[in-house]
């Protein structure tokens, strides 16, 4: 218990890393575990695990997120700051400059979800009333603010995570051991819901070893299919293809908790099925894995990573572990971020 909450959700880590913690299980990426992770570098080969940030293309995959808009900046005289000759401003200069700006939906493409991305209605203070709270009891409206929570004079559509912002995760550098589970090798392009029993079988058959603090990376083939569509995604095909974790399997949720992974990553849209239909009398989270990881455990989620070349190399070399470096942008107050992860083997 601390000054923000009296009750913590069952199966959560609230308070385990301190009363004011904002990075959750990223705390498990200790110097000792990074030193162990570095031992996975044997060939000196690196893999970029990011899609180009203009993928998927359009907004059919997720209607609320749009591709980046890249624009030139402007000089003080309102000329475009692109192929700008400085000789126009001083006869002796030979320099030419270009500069640009971008309007970026932070979770459009390869991304991290911060712990401020998904909260829940929960009676944290014990007054019998459910309220909007996030990991470790940080409160919606007080600590994670939307436009309605910010004075109109400051607003202009502003949102700001004063706690749990992605910059906290970025400051840790996010380096450690990645462990890849190749679901695509076992299930192909078929849409299957992978529960604990299936996952355990794959782990056993592929001799995967997962230790506390490891970042678990799931290769489903989804981003490979997306990349092949060349910025013209077939959303219906994508949302009915490749493996997703079964968030409705309580044994799987318990395993995510007991495994002590520090992060959960996939090459698909949401790790679980973001379009699952719920009955009218259903009570509980719409996305149980998001709820378990982001709200309860403080496990950040990586989505839409590109894993094809890494997965092939690891398979040929009979490996599944690698050194992973994946800091998000140090963007103050953001609840998600693009990321260019690097796997070194």
C-alpha atoms as a PDB file:
ATOM      1  CA  UNK A   1       0.000   0.000   0.000  1.00  0.00           C
ATOM      2  CA  UNK A   2       1.179   3.563  -0.625  1.00  0.00           C
ATOM      3  CA  UNK A   3      -0.290   7.051  -0.649  1.00  0.00           C
ATOM      4  CA  UNK A   4      -1.971   6.505  -4.039  1.00  0.00           C
ATOM      5  CA  UNK A   5      -3.601   3.137  -3.482  1.00  0.00           C
ATOM      6  CA  UNK A   6      -4.802   0.765  -0.800  1.00  0.00           C
ATOM      7  CA  UNK A   7      -5.737  -2.097  -3.109  1.00  0.00           C
ATOM      8  CA  UNK A   8      -3.587  -3.491  -5.852  1.00  0.00           C
ATOM      9  CA  UNK A   9      -4.857  -5.795  -8.602  1.00  0.00           C
ATOM     10  CA  UNK A  10      -4.487  -9.526  -8.066  1.00  0.00           C
ATOM     11  CA  UNK A  11      -1.386 -10.831  -9.795  1.00  0.00           C
ATOM     12  CA  UNK A  12       0.216  -7.408 -10.137  1.00  0.00           C
ATOM     13  CA  UNK A  13       3.650  -6.035  -9.264  1.00  0.00           C
ATOM     14  CA  UNK A  14       2.421  -2.694  -7.958  1.00  0.00           C
ATOM     15  CA  UNK A  15       4.860  -1.478  -5.319  1.00  0.00           C
ATOM     16  CA  UNK A  16       7.367  -4.278  -5.903  1.00  0.00           C
ATOM     17  CA  UNK A  17       9.881  -1.896  -7.507  1.00  0.00           C
ATOM     18  CA  UNK A  18       9.152   0.990  -5.171  1.00  0.00           C
ATOM     19  CA  UNK A  19       6.166   3.255  -4.478  1.00  0.00           C
ATOM     20  CA  UNK A  20       6.936   5.678  -7.315  1.00  0.00           C
ATOM     21  CA  UNK A  21       8.177   3.213  -9.929  1.00  0.00           C
ATOM     22  CA  UNK A  22       7.394   4.073 -13.566  1.00  0.00           C
ATOM     23  CA  UNK A  23       9.254   1.389 -15.570  1.00  0.00           C
ATOM     24  CA  UNK A  24       7.940  -1.894 -14.150  1.00  0.00           C
ATOM     25  CA  UNK A  25       9.834  -5.008 -15.137  1.00  0.00           C
ATOM     26  CA  UNK A  26      12.347  -3.034 -17.162  1.00  0.00           C
ATOM     27  CA  UNK A  27      13.924  -2.824 -13.685  1.00  0.00           C
ATOM     28  CA  UNK A  28      14.984  -6.443 -14.290  1.00  0.00           C
ATOM     29  CA  UNK A  29      17.430  -5.317 -17.007  1.00  0.00           C
ATOM     30  CA  UNK A  30      20.227  -4.996 -14.485  1.00  0.00           C
ATOM     31  CA  UNK A  31      23.960  -4.597 -15.236  1.00  0.00           C
ATOM     32  CA  UNK A  32      24.450  -8.256 -14.354  1.00  0.00           C
ATOM     33  CA  UNK A  33      21.769  -9.368 -16.826  1.00  0.00           C
ATOM     34  CA  UNK A  34      23.157  -7.106 -19.544  1.00  0.00           C
ATOM     35  CA  UNK A  35      26.573  -8.694 -19.082  1.00  0.00           C
ATOM     36  CA  UNK A  36      24.969 -12.114 -19.515  1.00  0.00           C
ATOM     37  CA  UNK A  37      23.128 -10.866 -22.595  1.00  0.00           C
ATOM     38  CA  UNK A  38      26.333  -9.609 -24.208  1.00  0.00           C
ATOM     39  CA  UNK A  39      27.591 -13.204 -24.170  1.00  0.00           C
ATOM     40  CA  UNK A  40      24.999 -13.986 -26.855  1.00  0.00           C
ATOM     41  CA  UNK A  41      27.087 -11.962 -29.353  1.00  0.00           C
ATOM     42  CA  UNK A  42      29.175 -14.560 -31.146  1.00  0.00           C
ATOM     43  CA  UNK A  43      29.030 -13.694 -34.865  1.00  0.00           C
ATOM     44  CA  UNK A  44      28.989  -9.882 -34.636  1.00  0.00           C
ATOM     45  CA  UNK A  45      26.033  -9.652 -37.039  1.00  0.00           C
ATOM     46  CA  UNK A  46      23.274  -7.096 -36.437  1.00  0.00           C
ATOM     47  CA  UNK A  47      19.666  -7.119 -37.617  1.00  0.00           C
ATOM     48  CA  UNK A  48      17.347  -4.114 -37.860  1.00  0.00           C
ATOM     49  CA  UNK A  49      13.996  -5.167 -36.390  1.00  0.00           C
ATOM     50  CA  UNK A  50      11.975  -2.161 -37.549  1.00  0.00           C
ATOM     51  CA  UNK A  51       9.650  -1.820 -40.483  1.00  0.00           C
ATOM     52  CA  UNK A  52       9.993   1.402 -42.461  1.00  0.00           C
ATOM     53  CA  UNK A  53       7.899   3.813 -40.421  1.00  0.00           C
ATOM     54  CA  UNK A  54       5.485   4.499 -43.286  1.00  0.00           C
ATOM     55  CA  UNK A  55       4.232   0.899 -42.964  1.00  0.00           C
ATOM     56  CA  UNK A  56       1.532  -0.498 -42.782  1.00  0.00           C
ATOM     57  CA  UNK A  57       0.381   2.176 -45.288  1.00  0.00           C
ATOM     58  CA  UNK A  58      -2.928   4.036 -45.120  1.00  0.00           C
ATOM     59  CA  UNK A  59      -5.121   3.534 -42.071  1.00  0.00           C
ATOM     60  CA  UNK A  60      -7.133   0.411 -42.885  1.00  0.00           C
ATOM     61  CA  UNK A  61      -5.157  -1.729 -40.412  1.00  0.00           C
ATOM     62  CA  UNK A  62      -5.932   0.710 -37.587  1.00  0.00           C
ATOM     63  CA  UNK A  63      -8.384   3.523 -38.491  1.00  0.00           C
ATOM     64  CA  UNK A  64      -7.187   5.876 -35.729  1.00  0.00           C
ATOM     65  CA  UNK A  65      -3.515   5.849 -36.746  1.00  0.00           C
ATOM     66  CA  UNK A  66      -2.107   7.432 -39.888  1.00  0.00           C
ATOM     67  CA  UNK A  67       1.216   7.364 -41.761  1.00  0.00           C
ATOM     68  CA  UNK A  68       3.890   9.960 -41.021  1.00  0.00           C
ATOM     69  CA  UNK A  69       3.636  13.293 -42.817  1.00  0.00           C
ATOM     70  CA  UNK A  70       7.069  14.632 -43.688  1.00  0.00           C
ATOM     71  CA  UNK A  71       7.381  18.350 -44.434  1.00  0.00           C
ATOM     72  CA  UNK A  72      10.248  20.789 -45.015  1.00  0.00           C
ATOM     73  CA  UNK A  73      10.771  23.362 -42.317  1.00  0.00           C
ATOM     74  CA  UNK A  74      10.775  27.043 -43.245  1.00  0.00           C
ATOM     75  CA  UNK A  75      13.431  29.729 -42.910  1.00  0.00           C
ATOM     76  CA  UNK A  76      12.663  32.985 -41.132  1.00  0.00           C
ATOM     77  CA  UNK A  77      11.827  34.582 -44.489  1.00  0.00           C
ATOM     78  CA  UNK A  78       9.264  31.776 -45.078  1.00  0.00           C
ATOM     79  CA  UNK A  79      11.337  30.063 -47.753  1.00  0.00           C
ATOM     80  CA  UNK A  80      11.494  26.268 -47.639  1.00  0.00           C
ATOM     81  CA  UNK A  81      14.486  25.031 -45.688  1.00  0.00           C
ATOM     82  CA  UNK A  82      15.228  22.386 -48.340  1.00  0.00           C
ATOM     83  CA  UNK A  83      18.018  22.603 -50.930  1.00  0.00           C
ATOM     84  CA  UNK A  84      18.508  26.072 -49.489  1.00  0.00           C
ATOM     85  CA  UNK A  85      21.647  27.834 -50.681  1.00  0.00           C
ATOM     86  CA  UNK A  86      23.254  29.938 -47.985  1.00  0.00           C
ATOM     87  CA  UNK A  87      24.736  32.091 -50.731  1.00  0.00           C
ATOM     88  CA  UNK A  88      21.327  33.794 -50.860  1.00  0.00           C
ATOM     89  CA  UNK A  89      22.081  35.112 -47.354  1.00  0.00           C
ATOM     90  CA  UNK A  90      25.833  35.640 -47.626  1.00  0.00           C
ATOM     91  CA  UNK A  91      27.768  35.816 -50.909  1.00  0.00           C
ATOM     92  CA  UNK A  92      30.717  33.871 -49.538  1.00  0.00           C
ATOM     93  CA  UNK A  93      28.879  30.768 -48.274  1.00  0.00           C
ATOM     94  CA  UNK A  94      28.840  27.592 -50.369  1.00  0.00           C
ATOM     95  CA  UNK A  95      26.691  25.497 -48.032  1.00  0.00           C
ATOM     96  CA  UNK A  96      23.330  24.020 -49.016  1.00  0.00           C
ATOM     97  CA  UNK A  97      20.922  22.897 -46.268  1.00  0.00           C
ATOM     98  CA  UNK A  98      17.827  20.754 -45.914  1.00  0.00           C
ATOM     99  CA  UNK A  99      15.707  20.413 -42.796  1.00  0.00           C
ATOM    100  CA  UNK A 100      12.362  18.800 -42.163  1.00  0.00           C
ATOM    101  CA  UNK A 101       9.607  18.114 -39.654  1.00  0.00           C
ATOM    102  CA  UNK A 102       7.271  15.175 -39.209  1.00  0.00           C
ATOM    103  CA  UNK A 103       3.758  14.633 -37.923  1.00  0.00           C
ATOM    104  CA  UNK A 104       4.034  11.165 -36.445  1.00  0.00           C
ATOM    105  CA  UNK A 105       1.489   8.822 -34.883  1.00  0.00           C
ATOM    106  CA  UNK A 106       3.807   7.266 -32.332  1.00  0.00           C
ATOM    107  CA  UNK A 107       2.211   3.796 -32.510  1.00  0.00           C
ATOM    108  CA  UNK A 108       1.567   3.594 -36.245  1.00  0.00           C
ATOM    109  CA  UNK A 109       4.447   1.265 -37.122  1.00  0.00           C
ATOM    110  CA  UNK A 110       7.178  -0.578 -35.191  1.00  0.00           C
ATOM    111  CA  UNK A 111       6.594   0.587 -31.632  1.00  0.00           C
ATOM    112  CA  UNK A 112       6.748   0.283 -27.892  1.00  0.00           C
ATOM    113  CA  UNK A 113       3.620   0.711 -25.772  1.00  0.00           C
ATOM    114  CA  UNK A 114       4.503   2.556 -22.578  1.00  0.00           C
ATOM    115  CA  UNK A 115       2.910   1.665 -19.259  1.00  0.00           C
ATOM    116  CA  UNK A 116       0.738   4.755 -19.703  1.00  0.00           C
ATOM    117  CA  UNK A 117      -0.854   3.294 -22.837  1.00  0.00           C
ATOM    118  CA  UNK A 118      -3.396   1.000 -21.149  1.00  0.00           C
ATOM    119  CA  UNK A 119      -5.011   1.358 -17.744  1.00  0.00           C
ATOM    120  CA  UNK A 120      -8.221   0.031 -16.223  1.00  0.00           C
ATOM    121  CA  UNK A 121     -11.218   0.924 -14.127  1.00  0.00           C
ATOM    122  CA  UNK A 122     -10.214  -0.257 -10.663  1.00  0.00           C
ATOM    123  CA  UNK A 123     -10.960   0.668  -7.050  1.00  0.00           C
ATOM    124  CA  UNK A 124      -7.384   1.406  -6.035  1.00  0.00           C
ATOM    125  CA  UNK A 125      -8.114   3.676  -3.068  1.00  0.00           C
ATOM    126  CA  UNK A 126     -10.671   1.359  -1.452  1.00  0.00           C
ATOM    127  CA  UNK A 127     -13.594   3.789  -1.522  1.00  0.00           C
ATOM    128  CA  UNK A 128     -15.846   1.339  -3.372  1.00  0.00           C
ATOM    129  CA  UNK A 129     -15.743   3.351  -6.615  1.00  0.00           C
ATOM    130  CA  UNK A 130     -13.833   2.255  -9.683  1.00  0.00           C
ATOM    131  CA  UNK A 131     -11.635   4.948 -11.194  1.00  0.00           C
ATOM    132  CA  UNK A 132      -9.192   5.247 -14.087  1.00  0.00           C
ATOM    133  CA  UNK A 133      -5.794   4.023 -12.914  1.00  0.00           C
ATOM    134  CA  UNK A 134      -2.633   2.778 -14.536  1.00  0.00           C
ATOM    135  CA  UNK A 135       0.345   0.673 -13.493  1.00  0.00           C
ATOM    136  CA  UNK A 136       1.459   1.241  -9.885  1.00  0.00           C
ATOM    137  CA  UNK A 137      -1.658   3.264  -9.120  1.00  0.00           C
ATOM    138  CA  UNK A 138      -0.869   6.327 -11.215  1.00  0.00           C
ATOM    139  CA  UNK A 139      -4.202   8.003 -11.921  1.00  0.00           C
ATOM    140  CA  UNK A 140      -5.915   9.104 -15.066  1.00  0.00           C
ATOM    141  CA  UNK A 141      -6.618  12.835 -14.964  1.00  0.00           C
ATOM    142  CA  UNK A 142      -3.996  13.494 -12.291  1.00  0.00           C
ATOM    143  CA  UNK A 143      -0.910  11.794 -13.736  1.00  0.00           C
ATOM    144  CA  UNK A 144      -1.932  10.765 -17.265  1.00  0.00           C
ATOM    145  CA  UNK A 145      -3.711  13.779 -18.688  1.00  0.00           C
ATOM    146  CA  UNK A 146      -5.849  14.209 -21.765  1.00  0.00           C
ATOM    147  CA  UNK A 147      -7.243  17.407 -23.282  1.00  0.00           C
ATOM    148  CA  UNK A 148     -10.127  17.566 -20.797  1.00  0.00           C
ATOM    149  CA  UNK A 149      -7.662  17.450 -17.884  1.00  0.00           C
ATOM    150  CA  UNK A 150      -5.520  20.386 -19.046  1.00  0.00           C
ATOM    151  CA  UNK A 151      -6.464  24.037 -18.727  1.00  0.00           C
ATOM    152  CA  UNK A 152      -7.916  25.411 -21.953  1.00  0.00           C
ATOM    153  CA  UNK A 153      -5.196  28.081 -22.116  1.00  0.00           C
ATOM    154  CA  UNK A 154      -2.584  25.309 -22.294  1.00  0.00           C
ATOM    155  CA  UNK A 155      -4.619  22.788 -24.206  1.00  0.00           C
ATOM    156  CA  UNK A 156      -4.531  22.949 -28.002  1.00  0.00           C
ATOM    157  CA  UNK A 157      -5.307  19.237 -28.028  1.00  0.00           C
ATOM    158  CA  UNK A 158      -2.510  18.492 -25.588  1.00  0.00           C
ATOM    159  CA  UNK A 159      -2.116  15.158 -23.850  1.00  0.00           C
ATOM    160  CA  UNK A 160       0.672  14.370 -21.449  1.00  0.00           C
ATOM    161  CA  UNK A 161       1.727  11.465 -19.316  1.00  0.00           C
ATOM    162  CA  UNK A 162       3.262  13.251 -16.348  1.00  0.00           C
ATOM    163  CA  UNK A 163       3.930   9.753 -15.012  1.00  0.00           C
ATOM    164  CA  UNK A 164       4.631   6.533 -16.929  1.00  0.00           C
ATOM    165  CA  UNK A 165       5.742   8.464 -20.021  1.00  0.00           C
ATOM    166  CA  UNK A 166       7.880   6.623 -22.541  1.00  0.00           C
ATOM    167  CA  UNK A 167      10.879   8.817 -21.672  1.00  0.00           C
ATOM    168  CA  UNK A 168      11.335   6.837 -18.445  1.00  0.00           C
ATOM    169  CA  UNK A 169      11.834   3.646 -20.408  1.00  0.00           C
ATOM    170  CA  UNK A 170      14.113   5.396 -22.918  1.00  0.00           C
ATOM    171  CA  UNK A 171      16.438   6.582 -20.160  1.00  0.00           C
ATOM    172  CA  UNK A 172      17.210   2.949 -19.231  1.00  0.00           C
ATOM    173  CA  UNK A 173      18.546   2.269 -22.779  1.00  0.00           C
ATOM    174  CA  UNK A 174      16.560  -1.025 -22.939  1.00  0.00           C
ATOM    175  CA  UNK A 175      19.397  -3.438 -23.487  1.00  0.00           C
ATOM    176  CA  UNK A 176      19.355  -7.083 -22.566  1.00  0.00           C
ATOM    177  CA  UNK A 177      18.816 -10.580 -23.843  1.00  0.00           C
ATOM    178  CA  UNK A 178      16.125 -11.198 -26.413  1.00  0.00           C
ATOM    179  CA  UNK A 179      14.660 -14.680 -26.764  1.00  0.00           C
ATOM    180  CA  UNK A 180      12.791 -15.536 -29.956  1.00  0.00           C
ATOM    181  CA  UNK A 181       9.944 -18.041 -30.147  1.00  0.00           C
ATOM    182  CA  UNK A 182       9.209 -18.904 -33.776  1.00  0.00           C
ATOM    183  CA  UNK A 183       5.449 -19.428 -33.859  1.00  0.00           C
ATOM    184  CA  UNK A 184       5.414 -19.093 -37.639  1.00  0.00           C
ATOM    185  CA  UNK A 185       7.617 -22.180 -37.975  1.00  0.00           C
ATOM    186  CA  UNK A 186       4.960 -24.213 -36.153  1.00  0.00           C
ATOM    187  CA  UNK A 187       1.696 -22.611 -37.317  1.00  0.00           C
ATOM    188  CA  UNK A 188       2.494 -20.935 -40.648  1.00  0.00           C
ATOM    189  CA  UNK A 189       0.144 -18.220 -41.886  1.00  0.00           C
ATOM    190  CA  UNK A 190      -2.942 -19.768 -40.263  1.00  0.00           C
ATOM    191  CA  UNK A 191      -4.835 -17.651 -37.730  1.00  0.00           C
ATOM    192  CA  UNK A 192      -4.457 -19.616 -34.511  1.00  0.00           C
ATOM    193  CA  UNK A 193      -4.912 -18.634 -30.884  1.00  0.00           C
ATOM    194  CA  UNK A 194      -1.842 -19.788 -28.981  1.00  0.00           C
ATOM    195  CA  UNK A 195      -2.559 -20.622 -25.373  1.00  0.00           C
ATOM    196  CA  UNK A 196      -0.251 -21.878 -22.671  1.00  0.00           C
ATOM    197  CA  UNK A 197      -0.271 -25.519 -23.752  1.00  0.00           C
ATOM    198  CA  UNK A 198       0.679 -24.694 -27.347  1.00  0.00           C
ATOM    199  CA  UNK A 199       3.305 -22.205 -26.236  1.00  0.00           C
ATOM    200  CA  UNK A 200       4.803 -24.679 -23.793  1.00  0.00           C
ATOM    201  CA  UNK A 201       4.978 -27.307 -26.542  1.00  0.00           C
ATOM    202  CA  UNK A 202       6.790 -24.928 -28.899  1.00  0.00           C
ATOM    203  CA  UNK A 203       9.211 -23.904 -26.153  1.00  0.00           C
ATOM    204  CA  UNK A 204       9.930 -27.553 -25.382  1.00  0.00           C
ATOM    205  CA  UNK A 205      10.309 -28.679 -29.010  1.00  0.00           C
ATOM    206  CA  UNK A 206      12.581 -25.763 -29.917  1.00  0.00           C
ATOM    207  CA  UNK A 207      14.584 -26.024 -26.684  1.00  0.00           C
ATOM    208  CA  UNK A 208      13.942 -22.396 -25.788  1.00  0.00           C
ATOM    209  CA  UNK A 209      15.228 -21.258 -22.404  1.00  0.00           C
ATOM    210  CA  UNK A 210      13.654 -18.143 -20.894  1.00  0.00           C
ATOM    211  CA  UNK A 211      15.180 -16.596 -17.791  1.00  0.00           C
ATOM    212  CA  UNK A 212      14.063 -13.717 -15.555  1.00  0.00           C
ATOM    213  CA  UNK A 213      14.675 -10.365 -17.212  1.00  0.00           C
ATOM    214  CA  UNK A 214      14.639 -11.737 -20.771  1.00  0.00           C
ATOM    215  CA  UNK A 215      12.711  -9.849 -23.446  1.00  0.00           C
ATOM    216  CA  UNK A 216      10.424 -12.368 -25.141  1.00  0.00           C
ATOM    217  CA  UNK A 217      10.052 -11.902 -28.906  1.00  0.00           C
ATOM    218  CA  UNK A 218       7.370 -13.737 -30.931  1.00  0.00           C
ATOM    219  CA  UNK A 219       7.827 -14.336 -34.659  1.00  0.00           C
ATOM    220  CA  UNK A 220       4.417 -14.977 -36.251  1.00  0.00           C
ATOM    221  CA  UNK A 221       5.114 -13.944 -39.861  1.00  0.00           C
ATOM    222  CA  UNK A 222       2.524 -11.140 -39.749  1.00  0.00           C
ATOM    223  CA  UNK A 223       4.920  -8.274 -40.483  1.00  0.00           C
ATOM    224  CA  UNK A 224       6.498 -10.301 -43.282  1.00  0.00           C
ATOM    225  CA  UNK A 225       3.060 -10.626 -44.882  1.00  0.00           C
ATOM    226  CA  UNK A 226       2.416  -6.917 -44.309  1.00  0.00           C
ATOM    227  CA  UNK A 227       5.773  -5.905 -45.799  1.00  0.00           C
ATOM    228  CA  UNK A 228       5.005  -7.931 -48.900  1.00  0.00           C
ATOM    229  CA  UNK A 229       1.879  -5.852 -49.484  1.00  0.00           C
ATOM    230  CA  UNK A 230       4.085  -2.824 -50.262  1.00  0.00           C
ATOM    231  CA  UNK A 231       2.093  -0.100 -48.472  1.00  0.00           C
ATOM    232  CA  UNK A 232      -1.255  -1.395 -49.773  1.00  0.00           C
ATOM    233  CA  UNK A 233      -2.352  -3.563 -46.853  1.00  0.00           C
ATOM    234  CA  UNK A 234      -5.222  -6.009 -47.120  1.00  0.00           C
ATOM    235  CA  UNK A 235      -6.537  -5.418 -43.607  1.00  0.00           C
ATOM    236  CA  UNK A 236      -9.050  -8.275 -43.640  1.00  0.00           C
ATOM    237  CA  UNK A 237      -6.418 -10.786 -44.729  1.00  0.00           C
ATOM    238  CA  UNK A 238      -3.954  -9.496 -42.159  1.00  0.00           C
ATOM    239  CA  UNK A 239      -6.440  -9.594 -39.296  1.00  0.00           C
ATOM    240  CA  UNK A 240      -7.323 -13.201 -40.128  1.00  0.00           C
ATOM    241  CA  UNK A 241      -3.752 -14.479 -40.568  1.00  0.00           C
ATOM    242  CA  UNK A 242      -0.886 -15.711 -38.392  1.00  0.00           C
ATOM    243  CA  UNK A 243      -0.716 -16.647 -34.748  1.00  0.00           C
ATOM    244  CA  UNK A 244      -1.838 -14.464 -31.855  1.00  0.00           C
ATOM    245  CA  UNK A 245      -1.582 -15.189 -28.159  1.00  0.00           C
ATOM    246  CA  UNK A 246      -4.811 -16.316 -26.513  1.00  0.00           C
ATOM    247  CA  UNK A 247      -5.435 -13.649 -23.911  1.00  0.00           C
ATOM    248  CA  UNK A 248      -8.446 -15.557 -22.607  1.00  0.00           C
ATOM    249  CA  UNK A 249      -6.260 -18.443 -21.389  1.00  0.00           C
ATOM    250  CA  UNK A 250      -5.699 -17.900 -17.651  1.00  0.00           C
ATOM    251  CA  UNK A 251      -2.781 -20.333 -17.661  1.00  0.00           C
ATOM    252  CA  UNK A 252      -1.024 -18.195 -20.262  1.00  0.00           C
ATOM    253  CA  UNK A 253      -1.568 -15.028 -18.218  1.00  0.00           C
ATOM    254  CA  UNK A 254      -0.212 -16.802 -15.134  1.00  0.00           C
ATOM    255  CA  UNK A 255       2.832 -17.918 -17.122  1.00  0.00           C
ATOM    256  CA  UNK A 256       3.573 -14.371 -18.294  1.00  0.00           C
ATOM    257  CA  UNK A 257       3.547 -13.377 -14.628  1.00  0.00           C
ATOM    258  CA  UNK A 258       5.674 -16.251 -13.321  1.00  0.00           C
ATOM    259  CA  UNK A 259       8.199 -16.192 -16.193  1.00  0.00           C
ATOM    260  CA  UNK A 260       9.453 -12.742 -15.068  1.00  0.00           C
ATOM    261  CA  UNK A 261      10.026 -11.585 -18.629  1.00  0.00           C
ATOM    262  CA  UNK A 262      10.893  -7.896 -18.747  1.00  0.00           C
ATOM    263  CA  UNK A 263       9.128  -7.143 -22.056  1.00  0.00           C
ATOM    264  CA  UNK A 264       6.823  -8.909 -24.516  1.00  0.00           C
ATOM    265  CA  UNK A 265       7.284  -8.272 -28.240  1.00  0.00           C
ATOM    266  CA  UNK A 266       5.651  -9.523 -31.426  1.00  0.00           C
ATOM    267  CA  UNK A 267       5.745  -8.825 -35.143  1.00  0.00           C
ATOM    268  CA  UNK A 268       1.956  -8.581 -35.313  1.00  0.00           C
ATOM    269  CA  UNK A 269      -0.630  -5.905 -34.689  1.00  0.00           C
ATOM    270  CA  UNK A 270      -1.331  -6.321 -30.979  1.00  0.00           C
ATOM    271  CA  UNK A 271       0.239  -9.584 -29.726  1.00  0.00           C
ATOM    272  CA  UNK A 272      -3.320 -10.777 -28.963  1.00  0.00           C
ATOM    273  CA  UNK A 273      -6.445 -10.436 -31.129  1.00  0.00           C
ATOM    274  CA  UNK A 274      -7.387  -6.744 -30.977  1.00  0.00           C
ATOM    275  CA  UNK A 275     -10.625  -7.384 -32.874  1.00  0.00           C
ATOM    276  CA  UNK A 276     -12.017 -10.154 -30.693  1.00  0.00           C
ATOM    277  CA  UNK A 277     -15.772  -9.951 -30.180  1.00  0.00           C
ATOM    278  CA  UNK A 278     -17.097 -10.040 -26.621  1.00  0.00           C
ATOM    279  CA  UNK A 279     -20.583 -11.102 -25.505  1.00  0.00           C
ATOM    280  CA  UNK A 280     -22.901  -8.454 -24.119  1.00  0.00           C
ATOM    281  CA  UNK A 281     -22.619  -9.913 -20.600  1.00  0.00           C
ATOM    282  CA  UNK A 282     -18.810 -10.177 -20.620  1.00  0.00           C
ATOM    283  CA  UNK A 283     -17.050  -8.607 -17.636  1.00  0.00           C
ATOM    284  CA  UNK A 284     -13.336  -7.975 -17.832  1.00  0.00           C
ATOM    285  CA  UNK A 285     -10.661  -6.416 -20.033  1.00  0.00           C
ATOM    286  CA  UNK A 286     -11.186  -6.250 -23.779  1.00  0.00           C
ATOM    287  CA  UNK A 287      -7.480  -7.014 -24.231  1.00  0.00           C
ATOM    288  CA  UNK A 288      -6.394  -9.303 -21.370  1.00  0.00           C
ATOM    289  CA  UNK A 289      -2.696  -9.418 -22.292  1.00  0.00           C
ATOM    290  CA  UNK A 290      -2.495  -5.630 -22.458  1.00  0.00           C
ATOM    291  CA  UNK A 291      -4.253  -5.509 -19.093  1.00  0.00           C
ATOM    292  CA  UNK A 292      -1.967  -8.117 -17.550  1.00  0.00           C
ATOM    293  CA  UNK A 293       1.269  -6.682 -18.932  1.00  0.00           C
ATOM    294  CA  UNK A 294       0.831  -2.914 -19.010  1.00  0.00           C
ATOM    295  CA  UNK A 295      -1.639  -2.373 -16.168  1.00  0.00           C
ATOM    296  CA  UNK A 296      -0.710  -5.110 -13.706  1.00  0.00           C
ATOM    297  CA  UNK A 297       2.857  -6.271 -14.273  1.00  0.00           C
ATOM    298  CA  UNK A 298       4.562  -3.242 -15.808  1.00  0.00           C
ATOM    299  CA  UNK A 299       5.717  -5.265 -18.836  1.00  0.00           C
ATOM    300  CA  UNK A 300       5.995  -3.014 -21.928  1.00  0.00           C
ATOM    301  CA  UNK A 301       4.652  -4.388 -25.199  1.00  0.00           C
ATOM    302  CA  UNK A 302       6.432  -4.153 -28.544  1.00  0.00           C
ATOM    303  CA  UNK A 303       4.289  -4.465 -31.661  1.00  0.00           C
ATOM    304  CA  UNK A 304       4.803  -4.577 -35.428  1.00  0.00           C
ATOM    305  CA  UNK A 305       8.481  -5.468 -35.184  1.00  0.00           C
ATOM    306  CA  UNK A 306      10.089  -6.950 -38.313  1.00  0.00           C
ATOM    307  CA  UNK A 307      11.685 -10.289 -37.471  1.00  0.00           C
ATOM    308  CA  UNK A 308      12.020 -12.222 -40.723  1.00  0.00           C
ATOM    309  CA  UNK A 309      15.796 -12.085 -41.290  1.00  0.00           C
ATOM    310  CA  UNK A 310      16.601 -12.547 -37.604  1.00  0.00           C
ATOM    311  CA  UNK A 311      14.302 -15.567 -37.337  1.00  0.00           C
ATOM    312  CA  UNK A 312      15.875 -17.195 -40.410  1.00  0.00           C
ATOM    313  CA  UNK A 313      19.409 -16.648 -39.141  1.00  0.00           C
ATOM    314  CA  UNK A 314      18.625 -17.999 -35.700  1.00  0.00           C
ATOM    315  CA  UNK A 315      16.943 -21.075 -37.193  1.00  0.00           C
ATOM    316  CA  UNK A 316      19.876 -21.874 -39.500  1.00  0.00           C
ATOM    317  CA  UNK A 317      22.288 -21.460 -36.594  1.00  0.00           C
ATOM    318  CA  UNK A 318      20.126 -23.409 -34.129  1.00  0.00           C
ATOM    319  CA  UNK A 319      19.855 -20.473 -31.759  1.00  0.00           C
ATOM    320  CA  UNK A 320      17.026 -18.476 -30.242  1.00  0.00           C
ATOM    321  CA  UNK A 321      18.823 -15.946 -28.018  1.00  0.00           C
ATOM    322  CA  UNK A 322      20.506 -12.684 -28.950  1.00  0.00           C
ATOM    323  CA  UNK A 323      21.565  -9.302 -27.599  1.00  0.00           C
ATOM    324  CA  UNK A 324      18.768  -6.763 -27.999  1.00  0.00           C
ATOM    325  CA  UNK A 325      19.025  -2.973 -27.900  1.00  0.00           C
ATOM    326  CA  UNK A 326      15.675  -1.214 -28.240  1.00  0.00           C
ATOM    327  CA  UNK A 327      15.276   2.203 -26.580  1.00  0.00           C
ATOM    328  CA  UNK A 328      12.171   4.183 -27.554  1.00  0.00           C
ATOM    329  CA  UNK A 329      12.349   7.888 -28.360  1.00  0.00           C
ATOM    330  CA  UNK A 330      12.988   9.990 -25.260  1.00  0.00           C
ATOM    331  CA  UNK A 331       9.786  11.889 -25.955  1.00  0.00           C
ATOM    332  CA  UNK A 332       8.555  13.449 -22.715  1.00  0.00           C
ATOM    333  CA  UNK A 333       4.947  12.668 -21.864  1.00  0.00           C
ATOM    334  CA  UNK A 334       4.267  10.216 -24.700  1.00  0.00           C
ATOM    335  CA  UNK A 335       2.435   6.927 -24.082  1.00  0.00           C
ATOM    336  CA  UNK A 336       4.065   5.120 -27.004  1.00  0.00           C
ATOM    337  CA  UNK A 337       7.008   5.482 -29.326  1.00  0.00           C
ATOM    338  CA  UNK A 338       8.495   4.314 -32.587  1.00  0.00           C
ATOM    339  CA  UNK A 339      11.566   2.150 -32.090  1.00  0.00           C
ATOM    340  CA  UNK A 340      14.394   0.875 -34.263  1.00  0.00           C
ATOM    341  CA  UNK A 341      15.418  -2.280 -32.395  1.00  0.00           C
ATOM    342  CA  UNK A 342      18.764  -3.895 -33.119  1.00  0.00           C
ATOM    343  CA  UNK A 343      19.431  -7.585 -32.553  1.00  0.00           C
ATOM    344  CA  UNK A 344      23.095  -8.599 -32.409  1.00  0.00           C
ATOM    345  CA  UNK A 345      24.022 -12.274 -32.669  1.00  0.00           C
END
